Amino acid sequence: MTTIQLSTVIKAPIQIVFDYALNIDTHQQSASKTSEVAIAGTPHGLINKGETVTWRGKHFGL
């Protein structure tokens, strides 16, 4: 089996990077080509433990 490993070096404090990864608005901006939008649950800001978000987007033309 083939394994692909990708590493990214980010020069920022870990807490800023972690919060950025939890930010729903950031994800929507980065996924704008697939028209992903949060349609239920936590629609904006940081998602917290125990919260959910439902996404709608178009992938592979579907």
N, C-alpha and C. Protein backbone atom coordinates (compact mmCIF):
# COMPACT_ATOMS: atom_id res chain seq x y z
N MET A 1 0.85 -1.17 0.00
CA MET A 1 0.00 0.00 0.00
C MET A 1 0.90 1.24 0.00
N THR A 2 0.52 2.25 -0.74
CA THR A 2 1.25 3.50 -0.82
C THR A 2 0.83 4.43 0.32
N THR A 3 1.81 5.09 0.91
CA THR A 3 1.54 6.06 1.96
C THR A 3 2.07 7.41 1.52
N ILE A 4 1.24 8.42 1.63
CA ILE A 4 1.65 9.79 1.32
C ILE A 4 1.69 10.56 2.62
N GLN A 5 2.81 11.19 2.89
CA GLN A 5 2.96 11.98 4.11
C GLN A 5 3.24 13.42 3.70
N LEU A 6 2.49 14.34 4.28
CA LEU A 6 2.63 15.76 3.97
C LEU A 6 2.89 16.50 5.27
N SER A 7 3.91 17.32 5.27
CA SER A 7 4.22 18.14 6.45
C SER A 7 4.20 19.60 6.04
N THR A 8 3.64 20.42 6.91
CA THR A 8 3.59 21.86 6.68
C THR A 8 4.15 22.56 7.90
N VAL A 9 5.12 23.43 7.68
CA VAL A 9 5.70 24.19 8.77
C VAL A 9 4.97 25.53 8.85
N ILE A 10 4.43 25.83 10.02
CA ILE A 10 3.70 27.07 10.23
C ILE A 10 4.38 27.83 11.35
N LYS A 11 4.83 29.03 11.06
CA LYS A 11 5.50 29.85 12.07
C LYS A 11 4.46 30.69 12.80
N ALA A 12 3.79 30.06 13.74
CA ALA A 12 2.77 30.74 14.55
C ALA A 12 2.59 29.95 15.84
N PRO A 13 2.11 30.61 16.88
CA PRO A 13 1.85 29.90 18.13
C PRO A 13 0.79 28.80 17.92
N ILE A 14 0.97 27.68 18.63
CA ILE A 14 0.08 26.52 18.46
C ILE A 14 -1.38 26.87 18.71
N GLN A 15 -1.68 27.74 19.68
CA GLN A 15 -3.07 28.08 19.98
C GLN A 15 -3.74 28.82 18.83
N ILE A 16 -3.01 29.68 18.16
CA ILE A 16 -3.57 30.40 17.00
C ILE A 16 -3.86 29.41 15.87
N VAL A 17 -2.94 28.50 15.62
CA VAL A 17 -3.12 27.50 14.56
C VAL A 17 -4.30 26.59 14.89
N PHE A 18 -4.41 26.16 16.15
CA PHE A 18 -5.49 25.28 16.56
C PHE A 18 -6.85 25.98 16.41
N ASP A 19 -6.94 27.23 16.88
CA ASP A 19 -8.19 27.99 16.74
C ASP A 19 -8.55 28.19 15.27
N TYR A 20 -7.57 28.42 14.45
CA TYR A 20 -7.80 28.60 13.01
C TYR A 20 -8.39 27.33 12.41
N ALA A 21 -7.90 26.17 12.87
CA ALA A 21 -8.41 24.89 12.36
C ALA A 21 -9.85 24.63 12.80
N LEU A 22 -10.28 25.23 13.90
CA LEU A 22 -11.64 25.04 14.41
C LEU A 22 -12.63 26.09 13.89
N ASN A 23 -12.14 27.03 13.09
CA ASN A 23 -12.97 28.16 12.67
C ASN A 23 -13.81 27.79 11.44
N ILE A 24 -15.10 27.80 11.60
CA ILE A 24 -16.02 27.43 10.53
C ILE A 24 -15.97 28.43 9.38
N ASP A 25 -15.86 29.72 9.72
CA ASP A 25 -15.79 30.75 8.68
C ASP A 25 -14.54 30.57 7.81
N THR A 26 -13.43 30.22 8.44
CA THR A 26 -12.19 29.98 7.71
C THR A 26 -12.36 28.81 6.74
N HIS A 27 -13.01 27.75 7.19
CA HIS A 27 -13.22 26.59 6.32
C HIS A 27 -14.10 26.97 5.13
N GLN A 28 -15.15 27.73 5.37
CA GLN A 28 -16.03 28.14 4.27
C GLN A 28 -15.26 28.97 3.24
N GLN A 29 -14.36 29.84 3.70
CA GLN A 29 -13.56 30.64 2.77
C GLN A 29 -12.62 29.75 1.97
N SER A 30 -11.98 28.78 2.63
CA SER A 30 -11.01 27.93 1.94
C SER A 30 -11.70 26.95 0.99
N ALA A 31 -12.98 26.66 1.23
CA ALA A 31 -13.72 25.70 0.40
C ALA A 31 -14.70 26.41 -0.53
N SER A 32 -14.44 27.66 -0.83
CA SER A 32 -15.39 28.43 -1.64
C SER A 32 -15.56 27.86 -3.06
N LYS A 33 -14.54 27.19 -3.59
CA LYS A 33 -14.65 26.60 -4.93
C LYS A 33 -15.67 25.48 -4.99
N THR A 34 -15.94 24.84 -3.84
CA THR A 34 -16.93 23.77 -3.80
C THR A 34 -18.26 24.26 -3.23
N SER A 35 -18.35 25.56 -3.01
CA SER A 35 -19.57 26.20 -2.49
C SER A 35 -20.01 25.59 -1.16
N GLU A 36 -19.04 25.14 -0.34
CA GLU A 36 -19.40 24.57 0.96
C GLU A 36 -19.92 25.66 1.89
N VAL A 37 -21.05 25.37 2.50
CA VAL A 37 -21.64 26.27 3.49
C VAL A 37 -22.16 25.45 4.66
N ALA A 38 -22.08 26.04 5.84
CA ALA A 38 -22.63 25.39 7.03
C ALA A 38 -24.14 25.62 7.00
N ILE A 39 -24.91 24.52 7.06
CA ILE A 39 -26.36 24.66 6.94
C ILE A 39 -27.10 24.32 8.23
N ALA A 40 -26.40 23.74 9.20
CA ALA A 40 -27.05 23.40 10.47
C ALA A 40 -25.99 23.27 11.56
N GLY A 41 -26.42 23.36 12.79
CA GLY A 41 -25.48 23.26 13.91
C GLY A 41 -24.84 24.61 14.17
N THR A 42 -23.52 24.61 14.37
CA THR A 42 -22.77 25.83 14.61
C THR A 42 -22.37 26.41 13.26
N PRO A 43 -23.02 27.50 12.81
CA PRO A 43 -22.77 27.99 11.45
C PRO A 43 -21.60 28.97 11.31
N HIS A 44 -21.11 29.55 12.42
CA HIS A 44 -20.06 30.57 12.34
C HIS A 44 -19.13 30.46 13.54
N GLY A 45 -17.93 31.02 13.38
CA GLY A 45 -16.98 31.11 14.48
C GLY A 45 -16.33 29.78 14.82
N LEU A 46 -15.82 29.68 16.05
CA LEU A 46 -15.13 28.47 16.48
C LEU A 46 -16.13 27.41 16.92
N ILE A 47 -15.90 26.19 16.48
CA ILE A 47 -16.73 25.08 16.94
C ILE A 47 -16.11 24.55 18.23
N ASN A 48 -16.93 24.21 19.19
CA ASN A 48 -16.47 23.75 20.50
C ASN A 48 -16.77 22.27 20.68
N LYS A 49 -16.15 21.68 21.69
CA LYS A 49 -16.37 20.28 22.01
C LYS A 49 -17.86 20.02 22.22
N GLY A 50 -18.37 18.97 21.59
CA GLY A 50 -19.77 18.61 21.73
C GLY A 50 -20.69 19.27 20.71
N GLU A 51 -20.19 20.26 19.97
CA GLU A 51 -21.01 20.91 18.96
C GLU A 51 -20.83 20.19 17.63
N THR A 52 -21.79 20.38 16.75
CA THR A 52 -21.72 19.78 15.42
C THR A 52 -21.99 20.84 14.36
N VAL A 53 -21.62 20.52 13.16
CA VAL A 53 -21.94 21.37 12.01
C VAL A 53 -22.25 20.46 10.84
N THR A 54 -23.26 20.82 10.08
CA THR A 54 -23.63 20.09 8.87
C THR A 54 -23.27 20.96 7.67
N TRP A 55 -22.57 20.36 6.72
CA TRP A 55 -22.09 21.09 5.55
C TRP A 55 -22.86 20.69 4.30
N ARG A 56 -22.97 21.63 3.38
CA ARG A 56 -23.48 21.33 2.04
C ARG A 56 -22.47 21.89 1.05
N GLY A 57 -22.09 21.09 0.08
CA GLY A 57 -21.14 21.52 -0.92
C GLY A 57 -21.25 20.67 -2.16
N LYS A 58 -20.56 21.07 -3.20
CA LYS A 58 -20.61 20.34 -4.45
C LYS A 58 -19.22 19.81 -4.75
N HIS A 59 -19.11 18.46 -4.77
CA HIS A 59 -17.83 17.81 -5.03
C HIS A 59 -17.99 16.86 -6.21
N PHE A 60 -17.01 16.86 -7.07
CA PHE A 60 -17.02 15.97 -8.25
C PHE A 60 -18.29 16.18 -9.09
N GLY A 61 -18.79 17.41 -9.10
CA GLY A 61 -19.96 17.72 -9.91
C GLY A 61 -21.27 17.26 -9.32
N LEU A 62 -21.25 16.75 -8.10
CA LEU A 62 -22.48 16.24 -7.46
C LEU A 62 -22.94 17.15 -6.35
